[in-house]
Amino acid sequence: MPRPLRLTDSEIRERLAAHPAWSLQGDRLVREFRFAGFGEAFGFMARVALFAEKIDHHPDWTNVWNRVSVALQTHDAGGVTDLDFRLAAEMDRVAGG
């Protein structure tokens, strides 16, 4: 299956309007999620990991206690693609907004 193409800056800005908690830093979509504690943060990561495996697209992320910092980029496309926005939308859904 062919990988998606890199989105243009205007396409990214347009799509970010529907995801106000996310921002563009360089060639990556970034967001920090905060949870009540480590268990909730880890549970979020576990649920998202199942979806990421399903679409074969994996986030760059870190977890420190109740925070999960995420950077999304389609490396082989050299920037942000539709896959990144699909994963961002799923993360928003799992986190409750």
PDB file of N, CA and C in Angstrom:
ATOM      1  N   MET A   1       0.842  -1.178   0.000  1.00  0.00           N
ATOM      2  CA  MET A   1       0.000   0.000   0.000  1.00  0.00           C
ATOM      3  C   MET A   1       0.891   1.247   0.000  1.00  0.00           C
ATOM      4  N   PRO A   2       0.640   2.182  -0.897  1.00  0.00           N
ATOM      5  CA  PRO A   2       1.485   3.379  -0.950  1.00  0.00           C
ATOM      6  C   PRO A   2       1.280   4.271   0.276  1.00  0.00           C
ATOM      7  N   ARG A   3       2.350   4.877   0.716  1.00  0.00           N
ATOM      8  CA  ARG A   3       2.287   5.792   1.853  1.00  0.00           C
ATOM      9  C   ARG A   3       1.696   7.114   1.389  1.00  0.00           C
ATOM     10  N   PRO A   4       1.043   7.831   2.282  1.00  0.00           N
ATOM     11  CA  PRO A   4       0.454   9.113   1.899  1.00  0.00           C
ATOM     12  C   PRO A   4       1.523  10.167   1.608  1.00  0.00           C
ATOM     13  N   LEU A   5       1.116  11.144   0.827  1.00  0.00           N
ATOM     14  CA  LEU A   5       2.008  12.239   0.476  1.00  0.00           C
ATOM     15  C   LEU A   5       2.008  13.312   1.555  1.00  0.00           C
ATOM     16  N   ARG A   6       3.108  14.008   1.642  1.00  0.00           N
ATOM     17  CA  ARG A   6       3.247  15.129   2.581  1.00  0.00           C
ATOM     18  C   ARG A   6       2.213  16.195   2.234  1.00  0.00           C
ATOM     19  N   LEU A   7       1.568  16.728   3.266  1.00  0.00           N
ATOM     20  CA  LEU A   7       0.586  17.794   3.077  1.00  0.00           C
ATOM     21  C   LEU A   7       1.299  19.132   2.907  1.00  0.00           C
ATOM     22  N   THR A   8       0.662  20.035   2.174  1.00  0.00           N
ATOM     23  CA  THR A   8       1.210  21.376   2.024  1.00  0.00           C
ATOM     24  C   THR A   8       0.956  22.166   3.305  1.00  0.00           C
ATOM     25  N   ASP A   9       1.664  23.272   3.468  1.00  0.00           N
ATOM     26  CA  ASP A   9       1.461  24.119   4.650  1.00  0.00           C
ATOM     27  C   ASP A   9       0.020  24.589   4.753  1.00  0.00           C
ATOM     28  N   SER A  10      -0.591  24.955   3.642  1.00  0.00           N
ATOM     29  CA  SER A  10      -1.984  25.423   3.699  1.00  0.00           C
ATOM     30  C   SER A  10      -2.929  24.276   4.062  1.00  0.00           C
ATOM     31  N   GLU A  11      -2.680  23.067   3.578  1.00  0.00           N
ATOM     32  CA  GLU A  11      -3.502  21.915   3.952  1.00  0.00           C
ATOM     33  C   GLU A  11      -3.367  21.629   5.446  1.00  0.00           C
ATOM     34  N   ILE A  12      -2.150  21.744   5.963  1.00  0.00           N
ATOM     35  CA  ILE A  12      -1.925  21.502   7.391  1.00  0.00           C
ATOM     36  C   ILE A  12      -2.657  22.550   8.225  1.00  0.00           C
ATOM     37  N   ARG A  13      -2.528  23.826   7.868  1.00  0.00           N
ATOM     38  CA  ARG A  13      -3.220  24.891   8.614  1.00  0.00           C
ATOM     39  C   ARG A  13      -4.725  24.682   8.604  1.00  0.00           C
ATOM     40  N   GLU A  14      -5.253  24.291   7.454  1.00  0.00           N
ATOM     41  CA  GLU A  14      -6.692  24.048   7.332  1.00  0.00           C
ATOM     42  C   GLU A  14      -7.132  22.918   8.267  1.00  0.00           C
ATOM     43  N   ARG A  15      -6.379  21.843   8.292  1.00  0.00           N
ATOM     44  CA  ARG A  15      -6.731  20.692   9.140  1.00  0.00           C
ATOM     45  C   ARG A  15      -6.514  20.986  10.623  1.00  0.00           C
ATOM     46  N   LEU A  16      -5.532  21.803  10.941  1.00  0.00           N
ATOM     47  CA  LEU A  16      -5.297  22.156  12.346  1.00  0.00           C
ATOM     48  C   LEU A  16      -6.470  22.923  12.943  1.00  0.00           C
ATOM     49  N   ALA A  17      -7.252  23.590  12.113  1.00  0.00           N
ATOM     50  CA  ALA A  17      -8.430  24.308  12.614  1.00  0.00           C
ATOM     51  C   ALA A  17      -9.395  23.356  13.327  1.00  0.00           C
ATOM     52  N   ALA A  18      -9.428  22.114  12.899  1.00  0.00           N
ATOM     53  CA  ALA A  18     -10.297  21.110  13.532  1.00  0.00           C
ATOM     54  C   ALA A  18      -9.636  20.438  14.726  1.00  0.00           C
ATOM     55  N   HIS A  19      -8.365  20.757  14.977  1.00  0.00           N
ATOM     56  CA  HIS A  19      -7.596  20.161  16.078  1.00  0.00           C
ATOM     57  C   HIS A  19      -6.849  21.261  16.829  1.00  0.00           C
ATOM     58  N   PRO A  20      -7.578  22.136  17.522  1.00  0.00           N
ATOM     59  CA  PRO A  20      -6.950  23.325  18.120  1.00  0.00           C
ATOM     60  C   PRO A  20      -5.921  23.034  19.213  1.00  0.00           C
ATOM     61  N   ALA A  21      -5.942  21.857  19.801  1.00  0.00           N
ATOM     62  CA  ALA A  21      -4.963  21.536  20.854  1.00  0.00           C
ATOM     63  C   ALA A  21      -3.606  21.148  20.264  1.00  0.00           C
ATOM     64  N   TRP A  22      -3.566  20.911  18.967  1.00  0.00           N
ATOM     65  CA  TRP A  22      -2.335  20.524  18.282  1.00  0.00           C
ATOM     66  C   TRP A  22      -1.703  21.746  17.640  1.00  0.00           C
ATOM     67  N   SER A  23      -0.383  21.711  17.484  1.00  0.00           N
ATOM     68  CA  SER A  23       0.305  22.792  16.773  1.00  0.00           C
ATOM     69  C   SER A  23       1.373  22.195  15.870  1.00  0.00           C
ATOM     70  N   LEU A  24       1.813  23.003  14.942  1.00  0.00           N
ATOM     71  CA  LEU A  24       2.867  22.591  14.032  1.00  0.00           C
ATOM     72  C   LEU A  24       4.178  23.180  14.524  1.00  0.00           C
ATOM     73  N   GLN A  25       5.149  22.316  14.768  1.00  0.00           N
ATOM     74  CA  GLN A  25       6.501  22.742  15.136  1.00  0.00           C
ATOM     75  C   GLN A  25       7.450  22.086  14.156  1.00  0.00           C
ATOM     76  N   GLY A  26       8.021  22.895  13.269  1.00  0.00           N
ATOM     77  CA  GLY A  26       8.855  22.341  12.214  1.00  0.00           C
ATOM     78  C   GLY A  26       8.005  21.503  11.288  1.00  0.00           C
ATOM     79  N   ASP A  27       8.374  20.257  11.119  1.00  0.00           N
ATOM     80  CA  ASP A  27       7.631  19.326  10.261  1.00  0.00           C
ATOM     81  C   ASP A  27       6.847  18.312  11.073  1.00  0.00           C
ATOM     82  N   ARG A  28       6.400  18.710  12.275  1.00  0.00           N
ATOM     83  CA  ARG A  28       5.706  17.766  13.155  1.00  0.00           C
ATOM     84  C   ARG A  28       4.466  18.407  13.774  1.00  0.00           C
ATOM     85  N   LEU A  29       3.464  17.585  13.990  1.00  0.00           N
ATOM     86  CA  LEU A  29       2.326  17.983  14.811  1.00  0.00           C
ATOM     87  C   LEU A  29       2.686  17.650  16.248  1.00  0.00           C
ATOM     88  N   VAL A  30       2.451  18.562  17.172  1.00  0.00           N
ATOM     89  CA  VAL A  30       2.807  18.309  18.566  1.00  0.00           C
ATOM     90  C   VAL A  30       1.638  18.646  19.497  1.00  0.00           C
ATOM     91  N   ARG A  31       1.615  17.907  20.589  1.00  0.00           N
ATOM     92  CA  ARG A  31       0.627  18.155  21.645  1.00  0.00           C
ATOM     93  C   ARG A  31       1.111  17.490  22.923  1.00  0.00           C
ATOM     94  N   GLU A  32       0.757  18.098  24.052  1.00  0.00           N
ATOM     95  CA  GLU A  32       1.000  17.458  25.345  1.00  0.00           C
ATOM     96  C   GLU A  32      -0.350  17.154  25.976  1.00  0.00           C
ATOM     97  N   PHE A  33      -0.522  15.909  26.374  1.00  0.00           N
ATOM     98  CA  PHE A  33      -1.729  15.469  27.076  1.00  0.00           C
ATOM     99  C   PHE A  33      -1.400  15.395  28.558  1.00  0.00           C
ATOM    100  N   ARG A  34      -2.363  15.772  29.405  1.00  0.00           N
ATOM    101  CA  ARG A  34      -2.209  15.662  30.860  1.00  0.00           C
ATOM    102  C   ARG A  34      -3.362  14.833  31.413  1.00  0.00           C
ATOM    103  N   PHE A  35      -3.013  13.963  32.353  1.00  0.00           N
ATOM    104  CA  PHE A  35      -3.988  13.058  32.930  1.00  0.00           C
ATOM    105  C   PHE A  35      -3.933  13.155  34.452  1.00  0.00           C
ATOM    106  N   ALA A  36      -4.838  12.461  35.122  1.00  0.00           N
ATOM    107  CA  ALA A  36      -4.915  12.515  36.582  1.00  0.00           C
ATOM    108  C   ALA A  36      -3.687  11.876  37.241  1.00  0.00           C
ATOM    109  N   GLY A  37      -3.086  10.917  36.573  1.00  0.00           N
ATOM    110  CA  GLY A  37      -1.924  10.235  37.143  1.00  0.00           C
ATOM    111  C   GLY A  37      -1.281   9.334  36.117  1.00  0.00           C
ATOM    112  N   PHE A  38      -0.283   8.584  36.566  1.00  0.00           N
ATOM    113  CA  PHE A  38       0.483   7.730  35.674  1.00  0.00           C
ATOM    114  C   PHE A  38      -0.376   6.639  35.039  1.00  0.00           C
ATOM    115  N   GLY A  39      -1.232   6.004  35.821  1.00  0.00           N
ATOM    116  CA  GLY A  39      -2.057   4.914  35.293  1.00  0.00           C
ATOM    117  C   GLY A  39      -2.939   5.374  34.149  1.00  0.00           C
ATOM    118  N   GLU A  40      -3.534   6.539  34.295  1.00  0.00           N
ATOM    119  CA  GLU A  40      -4.389   7.077  33.239  1.00  0.00           C
ATOM    120  C   GLU A  40      -3.553   7.422  31.994  1.00  0.00           C
ATOM    121  N   ALA A  41      -2.390   8.008  32.196  1.00  0.00           N
ATOM    122  CA  ALA A  41      -1.510   8.343  31.069  1.00  0.00           C
ATOM    123  C   ALA A  41      -1.067   7.070  30.341  1.00  0.00           C
ATOM    124  N   PHE A  42      -0.678   6.050  31.110  1.00  0.00           N
ATOM    125  CA  PHE A  42      -0.217   4.806  30.509  1.00  0.00           C
ATOM    126  C   PHE A  42      -1.358   4.091  29.794  1.00  0.00           C
ATOM    127  N   GLY A  43      -2.556   4.133  30.374  1.00  0.00           N
ATOM    128  CA  GLY A  43      -3.726   3.532  29.723  1.00  0.00           C
ATOM    129  C   GLY A  43      -4.017   4.201  28.386  1.00  0.00           C
ATOM    130  N   PHE A  44      -3.900   5.522  28.349  1.00  0.00           N
ATOM    131  CA  PHE A  44      -4.066   6.267  27.101  1.00  0.00           C
ATOM    132  C   PHE A  44      -3.069   5.763  26.059  1.00  0.00           C
ATOM    133  N   MET A  45      -1.819   5.631  26.460  1.00  0.00           N
ATOM    134  CA  MET A  45      -0.786   5.189  25.526  1.00  0.00           C
ATOM    135  C   MET A  45      -1.067   3.775  25.019  1.00  0.00           C
ATOM    136  N   ALA A  46      -1.537   2.909  25.889  1.00  0.00           N
ATOM    137  CA  ALA A  46      -1.833   1.534  25.484  1.00  0.00           C
ATOM    138  C   ALA A  46      -2.967   1.495  24.465  1.00  0.00           C
ATOM    139  N   ARG A  47      -4.026   2.271  24.700  1.00  0.00           N
ATOM    140  CA  ARG A  47      -5.147   2.300  23.755  1.00  0.00           C
ATOM    141  C   ARG A  47      -4.724   2.884  22.408  1.00  0.00           C
ATOM    142  N   VAL A  48      -3.951   3.953  22.444  1.00  0.00           N
ATOM    143  CA  VAL A  48      -3.479   4.568  21.198  1.00  0.00           C
ATOM    144  C   VAL A  48      -2.528   3.623  20.461  1.00  0.00           C
ATOM    145  N   ALA A  49      -1.708   2.895  21.196  1.00  0.00           N
ATOM    146  CA  ALA A  49      -0.763   1.967  20.562  1.00  0.00           C
ATOM    147  C   ALA A  49      -1.484   0.919  19.715  1.00  0.00           C
ATOM    148  N   LEU A  50      -2.633   0.445  20.173  1.00  0.00           N
ATOM    149  CA  LEU A  50      -3.398  -0.538  19.398  1.00  0.00           C
ATOM    150  C   LEU A  50      -3.855   0.060  18.070  1.00  0.00           C
ATOM    151  N   PHE A  51      -4.323   1.300  18.098  1.00  0.00           N
ATOM    152  CA  PHE A  51      -4.744   1.972  16.876  1.00  0.00           C
ATOM    153  C   PHE A  51      -3.538   2.228  15.968  1.00  0.00           C
ATOM    154  N   ALA A  52      -2.434   2.658  16.545  1.00  0.00           N
ATOM    155  CA  ALA A  52      -1.228   2.945  15.770  1.00  0.00           C
ATOM    156  C   ALA A  52      -0.754   1.694  15.038  1.00  0.00           C
ATOM    157  N   GLU A  53      -0.811   0.559  15.690  1.00  0.00           N
ATOM    158  CA  GLU A  53      -0.436  -0.697  15.038  1.00  0.00           C
ATOM    159  C   GLU A  53      -1.387  -1.008  13.894  1.00  0.00           C
ATOM    160  N   LYS A  54      -2.662  -0.764  14.127  1.00  0.00           N
ATOM    161  CA  LYS A  54      -3.673  -1.059  13.109  1.00  0.00           C
ATOM    162  C   LYS A  54      -3.431  -0.257  11.830  1.00  0.00           C
ATOM    163  N   ILE A  55      -3.041   1.011  11.957  1.00  0.00           N
ATOM    164  CA  ILE A  55      -2.815   1.835  10.765  1.00  0.00           C
ATOM    165  C   ILE A  55      -1.338   1.866  10.362  1.00  0.00           C
ATOM    166  N   ASP A  56      -0.512   1.126  11.080  1.00  0.00           N
ATOM    167  CA  ASP A  56       0.925   1.041  10.806  1.00  0.00           C
ATOM    168  C   ASP A  56       1.571   2.434  10.776  1.00  0.00           C
ATOM    169  N   HIS A  57       1.266   3.200  11.806  1.00  0.00           N
ATOM    170  CA  HIS A  57       1.833   4.543  11.930  1.00  0.00           C
ATOM    171  C   HIS A  57       2.046   4.814  13.414  1.00  0.00           C
ATOM    172  N   HIS A  58       3.266   5.096  13.794  1.00  0.00           N
ATOM    173  CA  HIS A  58       3.622   5.120  15.208  1.00  0.00           C
ATOM    174  C   HIS A  58       4.116   6.492  15.642  1.00  0.00           C
ATOM    175  N   PRO A  59       3.662   6.953  16.794  1.00  0.00           N
ATOM    176  CA  PRO A  59       4.037   8.287  17.267  1.00  0.00           C
ATOM    177  C   PRO A  59       5.431   8.314  17.889  1.00  0.00           C
ATOM    178  N   ASP A  60       6.013   9.495  17.882  1.00  0.00           N
ATOM    179  CA  ASP A  60       7.166   9.778  18.738  1.00  0.00           C
ATOM    180  C   ASP A  60       6.558  10.370  19.996  1.00  0.00           C
ATOM    181  N   TRP A  61       6.743   9.697  21.125  1.00  0.00           N
ATOM    182  CA  TRP A  61       6.111  10.196  22.351  1.00  0.00           C
ATOM    183  C   TRP A  61       6.939   9.855  23.565  1.00  0.00           C
ATOM    184  N   THR A  62       6.700  10.621  24.620  1.00  0.00           N
ATOM    185  CA  THR A  62       7.338  10.358  25.904  1.00  0.00           C
ATOM    186  C   THR A  62       6.278  10.480  26.986  1.00  0.00           C
ATOM    187  N   ASN A  63       6.534   9.787  28.076  1.00  0.00           N
ATOM    188  CA  ASN A  63       5.623   9.816  29.216  1.00  0.00           C
ATOM    189  C   ASN A  63       6.422  10.123  30.473  1.00  0.00           C
ATOM    190  N   VAL A  64       5.996  11.147  31.178  1.00  0.00           N
ATOM    191  CA  VAL A  64       6.535  11.465  32.498  1.00  0.00           C
ATOM    192  C   VAL A  64       5.333  11.621  33.424  1.00  0.00           C
ATOM    193  N   TRP A  65       5.184  10.699  34.328  1.00  0.00           N
ATOM    194  CA  TRP A  65       4.097  10.587  35.280  1.00  0.00           C
ATOM    195  C   TRP A  65       2.738  10.801  34.626  1.00  0.00           C
ATOM    196  N   ASN A  66       2.147  12.005  34.703  1.00  0.00           N
ATOM    197  CA  ASN A  66       0.794  12.217  34.182  1.00  0.00           C
ATOM    198  C   ASN A  66       0.780  12.901  32.820  1.00  0.00           C
ATOM    199  N   ARG A  67       1.946  13.077  32.205  1.00  0.00           N
ATOM    200  CA  ARG A  67       2.023  13.791  30.927  1.00  0.00           C
ATOM    201  C   ARG A  67       2.498  12.853  29.807  1.00  0.00           C
ATOM    202  N   VAL A  68       1.874  13.019  28.656  1.00  0.00           N
ATOM    203  CA  VAL A  68       2.319  12.326  27.457  1.00  0.00           C
ATOM    204  C   VAL A  68       2.556  13.400  26.400  1.00  0.00           C
ATOM    205  N   SER A  69       3.802  13.551  25.995  1.00  0.00           N
ATOM    206  CA  SER A  69       4.172  14.515  24.958  1.00  0.00           C
ATOM    207  C   SER A  69       4.287  13.769  23.640  1.00  0.00           C
ATOM    208  N   VAL A  70       3.634  14.305  22.610  1.00  0.00           N
ATOM    209  CA  VAL A  70       3.529  13.610  21.328  1.00  0.00           C
ATOM    210  C   VAL A  70       4.049  14.497  20.205  1.00  0.00           C
ATOM    211  N   ALA A  71       4.776  13.888  19.274  1.00  0.00           N
ATOM    212  CA  ALA A  71       5.168  14.527  18.019  1.00  0.00           C
ATOM    213  C   ALA A  71       4.835  13.543  16.896  1.00  0.00           C
ATOM    214  N   LEU A  72       4.076  14.012  15.922  1.00  0.00           N
ATOM    215  CA  LEU A  72       3.662  13.162  14.808  1.00  0.00           C
ATOM    216  C   LEU A  72       4.262  13.659  13.508  1.00  0.00           C
ATOM    217  N   GLN A  73       4.839  12.730  12.771  1.00  0.00           N
ATOM    218  CA  GLN A  73       5.423  13.021  11.465  1.00  0.00           C
ATOM    219  C   GLN A  73       5.509  11.704  10.706  1.00  0.00           C
ATOM    220  N   THR A  74       5.255  11.757   9.419  1.00  0.00           N
ATOM    221  CA  THR A  74       5.440  10.582   8.583  1.00  0.00           C
ATOM    222  C   THR A  74       6.854  10.675   8.028  1.00  0.00           C
ATOM    223  N   HIS A  75       7.758   9.952   8.643  1.00  0.00           N
ATOM    224  CA  HIS A  75       9.181  10.085   8.340  1.00  0.00           C
ATOM    225  C   HIS A  75       9.501   9.848   6.868  1.00  0.00           C
ATOM    226  N   ASP A  76       8.911   8.795   6.272  1.00  0.00           N
ATOM    227  CA  ASP A  76       9.250   8.509   4.880  1.00  0.00           C
ATOM    228  C   ASP A  76       8.657   9.519   3.905  1.00  0.00           C
ATOM    229  N   ALA A  77       7.719  10.368   4.357  1.00  0.00           N
ATOM    230  CA  ALA A  77       7.186  11.445   3.518  1.00  0.00           C
ATOM    231  C   ALA A  77       7.891  12.769   3.820  1.00  0.00           C
ATOM    232  N   GLY A  78       8.661  12.806   4.901  1.00  0.00           N
ATOM    233  CA  GLY A  78       9.398  14.007   5.245  1.00  0.00           C
ATOM    234  C   GLY A  78       8.562  15.115   5.846  1.00  0.00           C
ATOM    235  N   GLY A  79       7.434  14.763   6.442  1.00  0.00           N
ATOM    236  CA  GLY A  79       6.595  15.781   7.067  1.00  0.00           C
ATOM    237  C   GLY A  79       5.251  15.216   7.474  1.00  0.00           C
ATOM    238  N   VAL A  80       4.278  16.089   7.587  1.00  0.00           N
ATOM    239  CA  VAL A  80       2.943  15.733   8.065  1.00  0.00           C
ATOM    240  C   VAL A  80       2.087  15.229   6.904  1.00  0.00           C
ATOM    241  N   THR A  81       1.401  14.116   7.149  1.00  0.00           N
ATOM    242  CA  THR A  81       0.497  13.531   6.160  1.00  0.00           C
ATOM    243  C   THR A  81      -0.863  13.271   6.797  1.00  0.00           C
ATOM    244  N   ASP A  82      -1.757  12.724   5.998  1.00  0.00           N
ATOM    245  CA  ASP A  82      -3.076  12.340   6.492  1.00  0.00           C
ATOM    246  C   ASP A  82      -2.974  11.347   7.646  1.00  0.00           C
ATOM    247  N   LEU A  83      -1.985  10.463   7.619  1.00  0.00           N
ATOM    248  CA  LEU A  83      -1.811   9.494   8.713  1.00  0.00           C
ATOM    249  C   LEU A  83      -1.610  10.196  10.050  1.00  0.00           C
ATOM    250  N   ASP A  84      -0.864  11.293  10.050  1.00  0.00           N
ATOM    251  CA  ASP A  84      -0.633  12.026  11.291  1.00  0.00           C
ATOM    252  C   ASP A  84      -1.926  12.615  11.829  1.00  0.00           C
ATOM    253  N   PHE A  85      -2.748  13.143  10.951  1.00  0.00           N
ATOM    254  CA  PHE A  85      -4.020  13.700  11.398  1.00  0.00           C
ATOM    255  C   PHE A  85      -4.985  12.604  11.842  1.00  0.00           C
ATOM    256  N   ARG A  86      -4.932  11.435  11.208  1.00  0.00           N
ATOM    257  CA  ARG A  86      -5.763  10.311  11.674  1.00  0.00           C
ATOM    258  C   ARG A  86      -5.359   9.902  13.081  1.00  0.00           C
ATOM    259  N   LEU A  87      -4.054   9.823  13.321  1.00  0.00           N
ATOM    260  CA  LEU A  87      -3.567   9.434  14.643  1.00  0.00           C
ATOM    261  C   LEU A  87      -3.870  10.522  15.670  1.00  0.00           C
ATOM    262  N   ALA A  88      -3.718  11.778  15.298  1.00  0.00           N
ATOM    263  CA  ALA A  88      -4.055  12.892  16.203  1.00  0.00           C
ATOM    264  C   ALA A  88      -5.525  12.860  16.589  1.00  0.00           C
ATOM    265  N   ALA A  89      -6.401  12.607  15.620  1.00  0.00           N
ATOM    266  CA  ALA A  89      -7.835  12.549  15.900  1.00  0.00           C
ATOM    267  C   ALA A  89      -8.162  11.402  16.848  1.00  0.00           C
ATOM    268  N   GLU A  90      -7.505  10.269  16.672  1.00  0.00           N
ATOM    269  CA  GLU A  90      -7.742   9.124  17.560  1.00  0.00           C
ATOM    270  C   GLU A  90      -7.234   9.437  18.960  1.00  0.00           C
ATOM    271  N   MET A  91      -6.088  10.092  19.071  1.00  0.00           N
ATOM    272  CA  MET A  91      -5.576  10.483  20.384  1.00  0.00           C
ATOM    273  C   MET A  91      -6.537  11.424  21.074  1.00  0.00           C
ATOM    274  N   ASP A  92      -7.066  12.399  20.342  1.00  0.00           N
ATOM    275  CA  ASP A  92      -8.052  13.316  20.910  1.00  0.00           C
ATOM    276  C   ASP A  92      -9.274  12.560  21.410  1.00  0.00           C
ATOM    277  N   ARG A  93      -9.737  11.600  20.598  1.00  0.00           N
ATOM    278  CA  ARG A  93     -10.925  10.817  20.963  1.00  0.00           C
ATOM    279  C   ARG A  93     -10.656  10.019  22.238  1.00  0.00           C
ATOM    280  N   VAL A  94      -9.533   9.327  22.284  1.00  0.00           N
ATOM    281  CA  VAL A  94      -9.206   8.488  23.448  1.00  0.00           C
ATOM    282  C   VAL A  94      -9.050   9.344  24.705  1.00  0.00           C
ATOM    283  N   ALA A  95      -8.453  10.514  24.551  1.00  0.00           N
ATOM    284  CA  ALA A  95      -8.233  11.410  25.702  1.00  0.00           C
ATOM    285  C   ALA A  95      -9.495  12.152  26.110  1.00  0.00           C
ATOM    286  N   GLY A  96     -10.521  12.066  25.278  1.00  0.00           N
ATOM    287  CA  GLY A  96     -11.776  12.741  25.606  1.00  0.00           C
ATOM    288  C   GLY A  96     -11.822  14.192  25.153  1.00  0.00           C
ATOM    289  N   GLY A  97     -11.054  14.507  24.121  1.00  0.00           N
ATOM    290  CA  GLY A  97     -11.165  15.870  23.581  1.00  0.00           C
ATOM    291  C   GLY A  97      -9.912  16.495  23.183  1.00  0.00           C
TER     292      GLY A  97
END
